[in-house]
Amino acid sequence: TLIDLDGPVFSRRAFLRGTVLGAAAAGTGTL
């Protein structure tokens, strides 16, 4: 994360990593 004056701001890399890992976990469970 990047800490800004308004609070934590997620980086693009962290967002994409979480999205891909979440999709992979959901797909494995579904299959």
All heavy atoms as atom14 arrays in JSON, in Angstrom:
{
  "sequence": "TLIDLDGPVFSRRAFLRGTVLGAAAAGTGTL",
  "atom14_mask": [
    [1, 1, 1, 1, 1, 1, 1, 0, 0, 0, 0, 0, 0, 0],
    [1, 1, 1, 1, 1, 1, 1, 1, 0, 0, 0, 0, 0, 0],
    [1, 1, 1, 1, 1, 1, 1, 1, 0, 0, 0, 0, 0, 0],
    [1, 1, 1, 1, 1, 1, 1, 1, 0, 0, 0, 0, 0, 0],
    [1, 1, 1, 1, 1, 1, 1, 1, 0, 0, 0, 0, 0, 0],
    [1, 1, 1, 1, 1, 1, 1, 1, 0, 0, 0, 0, 0, 0],
    [1, 1, 1, 1, 0, 0, 0, 0, 0, 0, 0, 0, 0, 0],
    [1, 1, 1, 1, 1, 1, 1, 0, 0, 0, 0, 0, 0, 0],
    [1, 1, 1, 1, 1, 1, 1, 0, 0, 0, 0, 0, 0, 0],
    [1, 1, 1, 1, 1, 1, 1, 1, 1, 1, 1, 0, 0, 0],
    [1, 1, 1, 1, 1, 1, 0, 0, 0, 0, 0, 0, 0, 0],
    [1, 1, 1, 1, 1, 1, 1, 1, 1, 1, 1, 0, 0, 0],
    [1, 1, 1, 1, 1, 1, 1, 1, 1, 1, 1, 0, 0, 0],
    [1, 1, 1, 1, 1, 0, 0, 0, 0, 0, 0, 0, 0, 0],
    [1, 1, 1, 1, 1, 1, 1, 1, 1, 1, 1, 0, 0, 0],
    [1, 1, 1, 1, 1, 1, 1, 1, 0, 0, 0, 0, 0, 0],
    [1, 1, 1, 1, 1, 1, 1, 1, 1, 1, 1, 0, 0, 0],
    [1, 1, 1, 1, 0, 0, 0, 0, 0, 0, 0, 0, 0, 0],
    [1, 1, 1, 1, 1, 1, 1, 0, 0, 0, 0, 0, 0, 0],
    [1, 1, 1, 1, 1, 1, 1, 0, 0, 0, 0, 0, 0, 0],
    [1, 1, 1, 1, 1, 1, 1, 1, 0, 0, 0, 0, 0, 0],
    [1, 1, 1, 1, 0, 0, 0, 0, 0, 0, 0, 0, 0, 0],
    [1, 1, 1, 1, 1, 0, 0, 0, 0, 0, 0, 0, 0, 0],
    [1, 1, 1, 1, 1, 0, 0, 0, 0, 0, 0, 0, 0, 0],
    [1, 1, 1, 1, 1, 0, 0, 0, 0, 0, 0, 0, 0, 0],
    [1, 1, 1, 1, 1, 0, 0, 0, 0, 0, 0, 0, 0, 0],
    [1, 1, 1, 1, 0, 0, 0, 0, 0, 0, 0, 0, 0, 0],
    [1, 1, 1, 1, 1, 1, 1, 0, 0, 0, 0, 0, 0, 0],
    [1, 1, 1, 1, 0, 0, 0, 0, 0, 0, 0, 0, 0, 0],
    [1, 1, 1, 1, 1, 1, 1, 0, 0, 0, 0, 0, 0, 0],
    [1, 1, 1, 1, 1, 1, 1, 1, 0, 0, 0, 0, 0, 0]
  ],
  "atom14_positions": [
    [[0.82, -1.21, 0.0], [0.0, 0.0, 0.0], [0.85, 1.25, 0.0], [2.03, 1.23, 0.36], [-0.9, 0.05, 1.24], [-0.08, 0.08, 2.39], [-1.84, -1.13, 1.3], [0.0, 0.0, 0.0], [0.0, 0.0, 0.0], [0.0, 0.0, 0.0], [0.0, 0.0, 0.0], [0.0, 0.0, 0.0], [0.0, 0.0, 0.0], [0.0, 0.0, 0.0]],
    [[0.27, 2.31, -0.41], [0.85, 3.64, -0.27], [0.05, 4.37, 0.79], [-1.18, 4.34, 0.78], [0.77, 4.41, -1.59], [1.6, 3.88, -2.75], [1.29, 4.66, -4.01], [3.07, 4.02, -2.42], [0.0, 0.0, 0.0], [0.0, 0.0, 0.0], [0.0, 0.0, 0.0], [0.0, 0.0, 0.0], [0.0, 0.0, 0.0], [0.0, 0.0, 0.0]],
    [[0.71, 4.95, 1.73], [0.01, 5.68, 2.79], [-0.07, 7.14, 2.38], [0.93, 7.78, 2.12], [0.75, 5.54, 4.14], [0.94, 4.08, 4.5], [0.01, 6.29, 5.24], [-0.33, 3.3, 4.69], [0.0, 0.0, 0.0], [0.0, 0.0, 0.0], [0.0, 0.0, 0.0], [0.0, 0.0, 0.0], [0.0, 0.0, 0.0], [0.0, 0.0, 0.0]],
    [[-1.26, 7.64, 2.31], [-1.51, 9.03, 1.94], [-2.07, 9.74, 3.17], [-2.37, 9.12, 4.19], [-2.51, 9.07, 0.77], [-2.49, 10.4, 0.05], [-1.67, 11.25, 0.41], [-3.3, 10.55, -0.88], [0.0, 0.0, 0.0], [0.0, 0.0, 0.0], [0.0, 0.0, 0.0], [0.0, 0.0, 0.0], [0.0, 0.0, 0.0], [0.0, 0.0, 0.0]],
    [[-2.26, 11.0, 3.1], [-2.83, 11.74, 4.22], [-4.25, 11.3, 4.52], [-4.72, 11.37, 5.65], [-2.78, 13.25, 3.95], [-1.39, 13.85, 3.83], [-1.5, 15.31, 3.44], [-0.63, 13.71, 5.13], [0.0, 0.0, 0.0], [0.0, 0.0, 0.0], [0.0, 0.0, 0.0], [0.0, 0.0, 0.0], [0.0, 0.0, 0.0], [0.0, 0.0, 0.0]],
    [[-4.97, 10.84, 3.48], [-6.36, 10.43, 3.65], [-6.47, 8.99, 4.16], [-7.56, 8.53, 4.45], [-7.11, 10.53, 2.34], [-7.15, 11.96, 1.82], [-7.1, 12.88, 2.66], [-7.22, 12.13, 0.6], [0.0, 0.0, 0.0], [0.0, 0.0, 0.0], [0.0, 0.0, 0.0], [0.0, 0.0, 0.0], [0.0, 0.0, 0.0], [0.0, 0.0, 0.0]],
    [[-5.41, 8.24, 4.23], [-5.43, 6.85, 4.66], [-4.74, 5.97, 3.63], [-4.11, 6.46, 2.69], [0.0, 0.0, 0.0], [0.0, 0.0, 0.0], [0.0, 0.0, 0.0], [0.0, 0.0, 0.0], [0.0, 0.0, 0.0], [0.0, 0.0, 0.0], [0.0, 0.0, 0.0], [0.0, 0.0, 0.0], [0.0, 0.0, 0.0], [0.0, 0.0, 0.0]],
    [[-4.85, 4.64, 3.78], [-4.18, 3.73, 2.85], [-4.8, 3.77, 1.46], [-6.01, 3.82, 1.32], [-4.34, 2.36, 3.47], [-5.45, 2.48, 4.44], [-5.55, 3.92, 4.83], [0.0, 0.0, 0.0], [0.0, 0.0, 0.0], [0.0, 0.0, 0.0], [0.0, 0.0, 0.0], [0.0, 0.0, 0.0], [0.0, 0.0, 0.0], [0.0, 0.0, 0.0]],
    [[-3.95, 3.79, 0.44], [-4.36, 3.75, -0.96], [-3.71, 2.51, -1.56], [-2.49, 2.37, -1.51], [-3.92, 5.01, -1.72], [-4.31, 4.92, -3.17], [-4.5, 6.24, -1.05], [0.0, 0.0, 0.0], [0.0, 0.0, 0.0], [0.0, 0.0, 0.0], [0.0, 0.0, 0.0], [0.0, 0.0, 0.0], [0.0, 0.0, 0.0], [0.0, 0.0, 0.0]],
    [[-4.5, 1.61, -2.11], [-3.94, 0.39, -2.69], [-3.26, 0.69, -4.02], [-3.76, 1.47, -4.83], [-5.05, -0.65, -2.94], [-5.49, -1.32, -1.68], [-6.64, -0.91, -1.04], [-4.75, -2.34, -1.12], [-7.06, -1.52, 0.12], [-5.16, -2.96, 0.03], [-6.31, -2.54, 0.67], [0.0, 0.0, 0.0], [0.0, 0.0, 0.0], [0.0, 0.0, 0.0]],
    [[-2.13, 0.04, -4.22], [-1.43, 0.21, -5.49], [-2.11, -0.64, -6.56], [-2.83, -1.59, -6.27], [0.03, -0.21, -5.34], [0.13, -1.61, -5.15], [0.0, 0.0, 0.0], [0.0, 0.0, 0.0], [0.0, 0.0, 0.0], [0.0, 0.0, 0.0], [0.0, 0.0, 0.0], [0.0, 0.0, 0.0], [0.0, 0.0, 0.0], [0.0, 0.0, 0.0]],
    [[-1.86, -0.31, -7.8], [-2.41, -1.07, -8.91], [-1.91, -2.51, -8.87], [-2.65, -3.45, -9.12], [-2.0, -0.39, -10.21], [-2.86, -0.72, -11.34], [-2.51, 0.06, -12.57], [-1.75, 1.28, -12.25], [-1.24, 2.09, -13.14], [-1.38, 1.84, -14.4], [-0.58, 3.15, -12.79], [0.0, 0.0, 0.0], [0.0, 0.0, 0.0], [0.0, 0.0, 0.0]],
    [[-0.66, -2.71, -8.55], [-0.06, -4.04, -8.5], [-0.76, -4.89, -7.43], [-1.09, -6.05, -7.65], [1.43, -3.94, -8.2], [2.09, -5.3, -8.11], [3.56, -5.19, -7.86], [4.2, -4.61, -9.04], [5.41, -4.1, -9.06], [6.14, -4.07, -7.97], [5.92, -3.6, -10.16], [0.0, 0.0, 0.0], [0.0, 0.0, 0.0], [0.0, 0.0, 0.0]],
    [[-0.97, -4.32, -6.23], [-1.63, -5.06, -5.16], [-3.06, -5.4, -5.56], [-3.55, -6.51, -5.29], [-1.61, -4.26, -3.87], [0.0, 0.0, 0.0], [0.0, 0.0, 0.0], [0.0, 0.0, 0.0], [0.0, 0.0, 0.0], [0.0, 0.0, 0.0], [0.0, 0.0, 0.0], [0.0, 0.0, 0.0], [0.0, 0.0, 0.0], [0.0, 0.0, 0.0]],
    [[-3.76, -4.49, -6.19], [-5.13, -4.73, -6.63], [-5.19, -5.87, -7.65], [-6.0, -6.79, -7.54], [-5.74, -3.45, -7.23], [-7.1, -3.66, -7.82], [-8.2, -3.79, -7.01], [-7.26, -3.75, -9.19], [-9.46, -4.0, -7.55], [-8.5, -3.96, -9.75], [-9.61, -4.08, -8.93], [0.0, 0.0, 0.0], [0.0, 0.0, 0.0], [0.0, 0.0, 0.0]],
    [[-4.3, -5.84, -8.66], [-4.29, -6.88, -9.68], [-3.91, -8.24, -9.1], [-4.48, -9.27, -9.45], [-3.35, -6.51, -10.83], [-3.83, -5.35, -11.71], [-2.75, -4.97, -12.7], [-5.11, -5.72, -12.42], [0.0, 0.0, 0.0], [0.0, 0.0, 0.0], [0.0, 0.0, 0.0], [0.0, 0.0, 0.0], [0.0, 0.0, 0.0], [0.0, 0.0, 0.0]],
    [[-2.93, -8.26, -8.21], [-2.51, -9.51, -7.6], [-3.67, -10.13, -6.81], [-3.95, -11.31, -6.92], [-1.32, -9.26, -6.68], [-0.77, -10.55, -6.08], [0.44, -10.31, -5.21], [1.54, -9.82, -6.04], [2.48, -8.98, -5.63], [2.46, -8.51, -4.4], [3.44, -8.59, -6.45], [0.0, 0.0, 0.0], [0.0, 0.0, 0.0], [0.0, 0.0, 0.0]],
    [[-4.38, -9.31, -6.03], [-5.52, -9.81, -5.27], [-6.64, -10.3, -6.16], [-7.27, -11.32, -5.89], [0.0, 0.0, 0.0], [0.0, 0.0, 0.0], [0.0, 0.0, 0.0], [0.0, 0.0, 0.0], [0.0, 0.0, 0.0], [0.0, 0.0, 0.0], [0.0, 0.0, 0.0], [0.0, 0.0, 0.0], [0.0, 0.0, 0.0], [0.0, 0.0, 0.0]],
    [[-6.88, -9.6, -7.26], [-7.94, -9.99, -8.18], [-7.62, -11.32, -8.85], [-8.47, -12.21, -8.93], [-8.13, -8.9, -9.25], [-8.4, -7.66, -8.61], [-9.27, -9.24, -10.18], [0.0, 0.0, 0.0], [0.0, 0.0, 0.0], [0.0, 0.0, 0.0], [0.0, 0.0, 0.0], [0.0, 0.0, 0.0], [0.0, 0.0, 0.0], [0.0, 0.0, 0.0]],
    [[-6.39, -11.47, -9.33], [-5.99, -12.71, -10.02], [-6.0, -13.88, -9.05], [-6.51, -14.96, -9.36], [-4.61, -12.53, -10.68], [-4.06, -13.86, -11.16], [-4.69, -11.55, -11.83], [0.0, 0.0, 0.0], [0.0, 0.0, 0.0], [0.0, 0.0, 0.0], [0.0, 0.0, 0.0], [0.0, 0.0, 0.0], [0.0, 0.0, 0.0], [0.0, 0.0, 0.0]],
    [[-5.46, -13.71, -7.86], [-5.46, -14.8, -6.89], [-6.87, -15.18, -6.46], [-7.19, -16.36, -6.3], [-4.6, -14.43, -5.68], [-3.1, -14.35, -5.92], [-2.39, -13.86, -4.67], [-2.55, -15.68, -6.37], [0.0, 0.0, 0.0], [0.0, 0.0, 0.0], [0.0, 0.0, 0.0], [0.0, 0.0, 0.0], [0.0, 0.0, 0.0], [0.0, 0.0, 0.0]],
    [[-7.73, -14.18, -6.29], [-9.11, -14.46, -5.92], [-9.85, -15.21, -7.01], [-10.61, -16.15, -6.75], [0.0, 0.0, 0.0], [0.0, 0.0, 0.0], [0.0, 0.0, 0.0], [0.0, 0.0, 0.0], [0.0, 0.0, 0.0], [0.0, 0.0, 0.0], [0.0, 0.0, 0.0], [0.0, 0.0, 0.0], [0.0, 0.0, 0.0], [0.0, 0.0, 0.0]],
    [[-9.65, -14.81, -8.26], [-10.3, -15.49, -9.38], [-9.8, -16.93, -9.51], [-10.58, -17.85, -9.78], [-10.06, -14.72, -10.67], [0.0, 0.0, 0.0], [0.0, 0.0, 0.0], [0.0, 0.0, 0.0], [0.0, 0.0, 0.0], [0.0, 0.0, 0.0], [0.0, 0.0, 0.0], [0.0, 0.0, 0.0], [0.0, 0.0, 0.0], [0.0, 0.0, 0.0]],
    [[-8.5, -17.13, -9.3], [-7.95, -18.48, -9.39], [-8.52, -19.36, -8.28], [-8.87, -20.52, -8.52], [-6.43, -18.42, -9.3], [0.0, 0.0, 0.0], [0.0, 0.0, 0.0], [0.0, 0.0, 0.0], [0.0, 0.0, 0.0], [0.0, 0.0, 0.0], [0.0, 0.0, 0.0], [0.0, 0.0, 0.0], [0.0, 0.0, 0.0], [0.0, 0.0, 0.0]],
    [[-8.62, -18.85, -7.09], [-9.16, -19.63, -5.98], [-10.64, -19.96, -6.22], [-11.08, -21.08, -5.97], [-8.99, -18.86, -4.67], [0.0, 0.0, 0.0], [0.0, 0.0, 0.0], [0.0, 0.0, 0.0], [0.0, 0.0, 0.0], [0.0, 0.0, 0.0], [0.0, 0.0, 0.0], [0.0, 0.0, 0.0], [0.0, 0.0, 0.0], [0.0, 0.0, 0.0]],
    [[-11.39, -19.0, -6.71], [-12.81, -19.24, -6.99], [-12.98, -20.25, -8.11], [-13.84, -21.14, -8.05], [-13.5, -17.93, -7.35], [0.0, 0.0, 0.0], [0.0, 0.0, 0.0], [0.0, 0.0, 0.0], [0.0, 0.0, 0.0], [0.0, 0.0, 0.0], [0.0, 0.0, 0.0], [0.0, 0.0, 0.0], [0.0, 0.0, 0.0], [0.0, 0.0, 0.0]],
    [[-12.14, -20.16, -9.15], [-12.22, -21.1, -10.27], [-11.87, -22.51, -9.84], [-12.5, -23.48, -10.27], [0.0, 0.0, 0.0], [0.0, 0.0, 0.0], [0.0, 0.0, 0.0], [0.0, 0.0, 0.0], [0.0, 0.0, 0.0], [0.0, 0.0, 0.0], [0.0, 0.0, 0.0], [0.0, 0.0, 0.0], [0.0, 0.0, 0.0], [0.0, 0.0, 0.0]],
    [[-10.87, -22.66, -8.98], [-10.5, -23.98, -8.5], [-11.62, -24.61, -7.7], [-11.94, -25.78, -7.87], [-9.23, -23.88, -7.63], [-8.19, -23.28, -8.41], [-8.78, -25.24, -7.16], [0.0, 0.0, 0.0], [0.0, 0.0, 0.0], [0.0, 0.0, 0.0], [0.0, 0.0, 0.0], [0.0, 0.0, 0.0], [0.0, 0.0, 0.0], [0.0, 0.0, 0.0]],
    [[-12.25, -23.84, -6.84], [-13.36, -24.36, -6.06], [-14.54, -24.74, -6.93], [-15.2, -25.76, -6.71], [0.0, 0.0, 0.0], [0.0, 0.0, 0.0], [0.0, 0.0, 0.0], [0.0, 0.0, 0.0], [0.0, 0.0, 0.0], [0.0, 0.0, 0.0], [0.0, 0.0, 0.0], [0.0, 0.0, 0.0], [0.0, 0.0, 0.0], [0.0, 0.0, 0.0]],
    [[-14.83, -23.94, -7.94], [-15.94, -24.21, -8.84], [-15.69, -25.48, -9.64], [-16.57, -26.33, -9.78], [-16.16, -23.03, -9.8], [-16.37, -21.85, -9.04], [-17.33, -23.27, -10.71], [0.0, 0.0, 0.0], [0.0, 0.0, 0.0], [0.0, 0.0, 0.0], [0.0, 0.0, 0.0], [0.0, 0.0, 0.0], [0.0, 0.0, 0.0], [0.0, 0.0, 0.0]],
    [[-14.47, -25.64, -10.16], [-14.16, -26.84, -10.95], [-14.21, -28.09, -10.11], [-14.7, -29.12, -10.55], [-12.78, -26.69, -11.6], [-12.7, -25.75, -12.78], [-11.27, -25.64, -13.28], [-13.61, -26.23, -13.9], [0.0, 0.0, 0.0], [0.0, 0.0, 0.0], [0.0, 0.0, 0.0], [0.0, 0.0, 0.0], [0.0, 0.0, 0.0], [0.0, 0.0, 0.0]]
  ]
}
